[in-house]
Protein backbone atom coordinates (compact mmCIF):
# COMPACT_ATOMS: atom_id res chain seq x y z
CA UNK A 1 26.00 -35.66 7.55
CA UNK A 2 28.36 -38.45 6.04
CA UNK A 3 27.29 -37.52 2.26
CA UNK A 4 29.58 -40.14 0.26
CA UNK A 5 28.00 -42.78 1.62
CA UNK A 6 24.63 -41.48 0.36
CA UNK A 7 23.01 -43.61 -2.49
CA UNK A 8 22.18 -40.41 -4.47
CA UNK A 9 23.15 -37.05 -3.15
CA UNK A 10 20.94 -35.54 -6.15
CA UNK A 11 17.81 -37.11 -4.31
CA UNK A 12 18.56 -35.46 -0.94
CA UNK A 13 19.47 -32.09 -2.28
CA UNK A 14 16.35 -32.34 -4.13
CA UNK A 15 14.18 -33.22 -1.26
CA UNK A 16 15.81 -30.45 1.33
CA UNK A 17 15.18 -28.16 -1.62
CA UNK A 18 11.42 -28.83 -1.94
CA UNK A 19 11.05 -28.56 1.55
CA UNK A 20 13.05 -24.57 1.90
CA UNK A 21 11.61 -23.34 -1.55
CA UNK A 22 7.97 -24.63 0.27
CA UNK A 23 8.61 -22.57 3.62
CA UNK A 24 10.09 -19.81 1.42
CA UNK A 25 7.80 -19.51 -1.26
CA UNK A 26 6.80 -17.09 -2.67
CA UNK A 27 9.70 -14.81 -2.03
CA UNK A 28 12.59 -17.37 -2.74
CA UNK A 29 12.04 -18.65 -6.08
CA UNK A 30 15.31 -20.95 -6.59
CA UNK A 31 17.99 -22.47 -4.95
CA UNK A 32 21.04 -23.71 -6.98
CA UNK A 33 24.03 -25.01 -6.96
CA UNK A 34 26.99 -23.13 -8.55
CA UNK A 35 30.70 -24.59 -9.34
CA UNK A 36 33.64 -22.02 -10.17
CA UNK A 37 36.27 -23.58 -10.53
CA UNK A 38 37.02 -25.93 -7.82
CA UNK A 39 34.25 -24.60 -5.30
CA UNK A 40 31.11 -25.07 -5.22
CA UNK A 41 28.58 -22.54 -3.97
CA UNK A 42 24.66 -22.74 -2.95
CA UNK A 43 23.01 -19.55 -4.38
CA UNK A 44 18.96 -18.17 -3.70
CA UNK A 45 16.97 -16.66 -6.13
CA UNK A 46 14.37 -14.09 -5.14
CA UNK A 47 11.53 -13.38 -6.57
CA UNK A 48 11.92 -9.44 -7.15
CA UNK A 49 15.82 -9.81 -8.23
CA UNK A 50 17.77 -11.39 -11.04
CA UNK A 51 20.92 -11.22 -9.11
CA UNK A 52 21.66 -15.27 -6.89
CA UNK A 53 22.38 -14.68 -3.24
CA UNK A 54 24.85 -16.26 -1.29
CA UNK A 55 23.54 -17.53 2.28
CA UNK A 56 24.92 -14.23 3.86
CA UNK A 57 23.45 -11.79 1.81
CA UNK A 58 19.74 -13.23 2.45
CA UNK A 59 17.71 -11.37 4.83
CA UNK A 60 17.27 -12.48 8.43
CA UNK A 61 14.18 -14.05 8.47
CA UNK A 62 15.18 -15.92 5.13
CA UNK A 63 18.62 -17.39 7.24
CA UNK A 64 16.84 -18.14 10.56
CA UNK A 65 14.60 -20.25 8.96
CA UNK A 66 17.29 -21.87 6.32
CA UNK A 67 19.66 -22.24 9.65
CA UNK A 68 16.64 -24.10 11.19
CA UNK A 69 15.76 -26.52 8.95
CA UNK A 70 19.39 -27.62 8.01
CA UNK A 71 19.85 -28.26 11.41
CA UNK A 72 16.70 -30.37 12.00
CA UNK A 73 17.44 -32.19 8.53
CA UNK A 74 21.42 -32.91 9.53
CA UNK A 75 20.58 -34.03 12.99
CA UNK A 76 17.78 -36.06 12.25
CA UNK A 77 18.89 -37.76 9.61
CA UNK A 78 22.55 -38.58 10.80
CA UNK A 79 20.18 -41.60 12.34
CA UNK A 80 18.16 -42.26 9.78
CA UNK A 81 20.55 -42.41 6.86
CA UNK A 82 18.01 -44.67 4.97
CA UNK A 83 15.49 -42.19 4.67
CA UNK A 84 15.70 -40.46 1.23
CA UNK A 85 12.83 -37.78 1.62
CA UNK A 86 13.34 -35.76 4.60
CA UNK A 87 9.03 -35.47 4.81
CA UNK A 88 9.75 -38.66 6.67
CA UNK A 89 12.14 -38.00 9.17
CA UNK A 90 10.83 -39.33 12.68
CA UNK A 91 11.88 -37.14 15.71
CA UNK A 92 11.22 -34.62 18.68
CA UNK A 93 12.56 -31.36 17.79
CA UNK A 94 12.99 -28.09 20.29
CA UNK A 95 12.35 -25.03 19.14
CA UNK A 96 13.39 -21.96 21.68
CA UNK A 97 11.80 -18.60 20.51
CA UNK A 98 10.30 -19.56 16.98
CA UNK A 99 9.28 -16.28 16.60
CA UNK A 100 12.82 -14.47 16.53
CA UNK A 101 13.65 -12.58 13.89
CA UNK A 102 10.59 -13.22 11.59
CA UNK A 103 7.98 -10.87 10.16
CA UNK A 104 4.37 -11.96 11.79
CA UNK A 105 3.53 -13.69 8.59
CA UNK A 106 6.53 -15.78 8.45
CA UNK A 107 5.75 -16.56 12.15
CA UNK A 108 2.41 -17.71 11.55
CA UNK A 109 2.98 -19.59 8.53
CA UNK A 110 6.26 -21.36 9.84
CA UNK A 111 4.04 -23.06 12.25
CA UNK A 112 1.54 -24.80 10.04
CA UNK A 113 4.24 -25.55 7.18
CA UNK A 114 6.50 -27.36 9.35
CA UNK A 115 3.90 -29.76 10.67
CA UNK A 116 2.71 -29.95 6.97
CA UNK A 117 6.23 -30.94 5.87
CA UNK A 118 7.47 -33.06 8.92
CA UNK A 119 4.41 -34.62 9.95
CA UNK A 120 6.39 -37.48 11.56
CA UNK A 121 8.46 -34.64 13.89
CA UNK A 122 6.72 -33.90 17.02
CA UNK A 123 8.10 -29.77 17.89
CA UNK A 124 8.21 -28.40 20.98
CA UNK A 125 8.48 -24.71 20.91
CA UNK A 126 8.36 -21.57 22.79
CA UNK A 127 6.97 -18.01 21.71
CA UNK A 128 6.57 -14.72 23.03
CA UNK A 129 4.30 -13.83 20.31
CA UNK A 130 0.68 -14.86 19.73
CA UNK A 131 1.24 -15.49 16.24
CA UNK A 132 2.60 -18.97 15.92
CA UNK A 133 -0.51 -19.77 17.35
CA UNK A 134 -2.56 -18.80 14.53
CA UNK A 135 -0.87 -21.07 12.50
CA UNK A 136 -1.06 -24.19 15.11
CA UNK A 137 -2.87 -27.16 13.79
CA UNK A 138 -6.18 -27.64 16.45
CA UNK A 139 -6.16 -31.24 17.82
CA UNK A 140 -2.15 -31.92 17.22
CA UNK A 141 -1.31 -28.87 19.89
CA UNK A 142 -0.85 -28.92 23.37
CA UNK A 143 -0.60 -25.45 25.20
CA UNK A 144 1.69 -24.88 28.30
CA UNK A 145 2.11 -22.27 30.58
CA UNK A 146 5.69 -21.96 32.10
CA UNK A 147 6.39 -19.79 34.92
CA UNK A 148 9.36 -19.01 37.10
CA UNK A 149 8.67 -17.46 41.21
CA UNK A 150 10.91 -17.34 43.81
CA UNK A 151 8.86 -19.37 46.08
CA UNK A 152 7.60 -22.11 43.64
CA UNK A 153 10.65 -22.45 41.57
CA UNK A 154 9.73 -23.26 37.76
CA UNK A 155 6.01 -24.89 37.33
CA UNK A 156 4.54 -25.67 34.23
CA UNK A 157 0.43 -25.71 33.61
CA UNK A 158 -1.54 -26.90 30.32
CA UNK A 159 -4.16 -25.09 29.26
CA UNK A 160 -6.72 -27.12 28.02
CA UNK A 161 -9.17 -24.96 27.82
CA UNK A 162 -7.24 -22.36 25.05
CA UNK A 163 -6.43 -25.65 23.14
CA UNK A 164 -10.32 -26.09 22.71
CA UNK A 165 -11.11 -22.60 21.54
CA UNK A 166 -7.35 -22.00 19.46
CA UNK A 167 -9.07 -22.37 16.09
CA UNK A 168 -11.46 -19.65 17.25
CA UNK A 169 -8.91 -16.72 18.92
CA UNK A 170 -7.50 -13.47 17.74
CA UNK A 171 -4.59 -12.49 18.84
CA UNK A 172 -6.07 -10.17 21.20
CA UNK A 173 -7.52 -12.32 23.19
CA UNK A 174 -4.50 -14.63 23.47
CA UNK A 175 -2.23 -11.82 24.75
CA UNK A 176 -5.01 -11.10 27.80
CA UNK A 177 -5.46 -15.01 28.25
CA UNK A 178 -3.39 -17.27 30.84
CA UNK A 179 -0.99 -18.18 27.73
CA UNK A 180 0.23 -14.33 27.95
CA UNK A 181 -1.40 -12.86 30.84
CA UNK A 182 -1.70 -9.23 29.74
CA UNK A 183 -3.93 -7.53 31.63
CA UNK A 184 -4.99 -5.43 28.68
CA UNK A 185 -3.89 -4.52 25.14
CA UNK A 186 -4.28 -0.86 25.28
CA UNK A 187 -2.04 1.76 24.42
CA UNK A 188 0.45 3.13 27.21
CA UNK A 189 -0.43 6.20 25.66
CA UNK A 190 -4.13 6.15 24.55
CA UNK A 191 -6.08 9.31 26.79
CA UNK A 192 -9.43 7.84 25.89
CA UNK A 193 -10.90 4.37 25.68
CA UNK A 194 -13.36 5.78 23.23
CA UNK A 195 -10.95 6.60 20.55
CA UNK A 196 -9.88 2.92 20.44
CA UNK A 197 -9.94 1.56 17.09
CA UNK A 198 -11.55 -2.12 17.47
CA UNK A 199 -11.81 -3.08 14.00
CA UNK A 200 -10.95 -6.64 13.04
CA UNK A 201 -9.11 -4.96 9.73
CA UNK A 202 -7.24 -1.84 9.23
CA UNK A 203 -8.56 -2.15 6.10
CA UNK A 204 -11.98 -1.88 7.03
CA UNK A 205 -11.03 0.96 9.20
CA UNK A 206 -10.17 3.28 6.45
CA UNK A 207 -13.23 2.24 4.66
CA UNK A 208 -15.11 3.25 7.65
CA UNK A 209 -13.02 6.83 7.73
CA UNK A 210 -13.57 6.96 3.86
CA UNK A 211 -17.09 7.01 4.03
CA UNK A 212 -17.36 9.20 7.45
CA UNK A 213 -15.63 11.82 5.59
CA UNK A 214 -17.68 11.36 2.32
CA UNK A 215 -20.91 11.91 4.57
CA UNK A 216 -19.55 14.91 6.61
CA UNK A 217 -18.75 16.46 3.11
CA UNK A 218 -22.27 15.88 1.76
CA UNK A 219 -23.99 16.63 5.11
CA UNK A 220 -22.27 19.70 6.12
CA UNK A 221 -22.29 20.05 9.66
CA UNK A 222 -23.62 23.81 9.55
CA UNK A 223 -26.32 23.26 6.52
CA UNK A 224 -28.33 20.58 8.29
CA UNK A 225 -30.37 23.00 10.04
CA UNK A 226 -31.52 24.28 6.91
CA UNK A 227 -32.03 21.03 5.10
CA UNK A 228 -35.56 19.72 4.47
CA UNK A 229 -35.06 16.09 5.41
CA UNK A 230 -34.35 17.63 8.85
CA UNK A 231 -37.42 19.59 9.36
CA UNK A 232 -40.64 18.63 11.47
């Protein structure tokens, strides 16, 4: 990108900064340009630290997102120099393994925010995780299953039913669906299917365990036989 030919460098930095802070919120709270002598640096301020960090000092997830967005903006704006607000960029963007190096929270949020921040861009992404699909906007998402076999080579099948049901599908269902094709999601080391925890939320499971313990403490198994409540 030839910044010297831009009408206002501040506007472009402001636009890029707004997009990055939206994506990295709430963990990165500011991005600053720092001048030291004849050199200029970009520094990042994290919510839990007073020390400004360089790009190389950031966690891999942050760096992955910043690199992706920076590359996207540079490549598309080269051919759309008249656009000063990068949210208006248009084009088709390919992202290989969008889940790579990202925590599940980021995997989910990134897909949703990319569609919100760049409404005029068509994203084509591959993934080995069901989590990005949780952030995929319904009615704007097409899901394809890509397979490669010796006999047929590379085949592509669009999964219309999954697209229709996507807003209501949880990761366990997605993993065993044609998208990922797992036979089951049971641990390889589970010995008793009755012991499998099927609660929707781990915090709920902890509450149930605590309630069970309280009930056991209240009605000790050895005392039930002598309790009037359990006598005929």
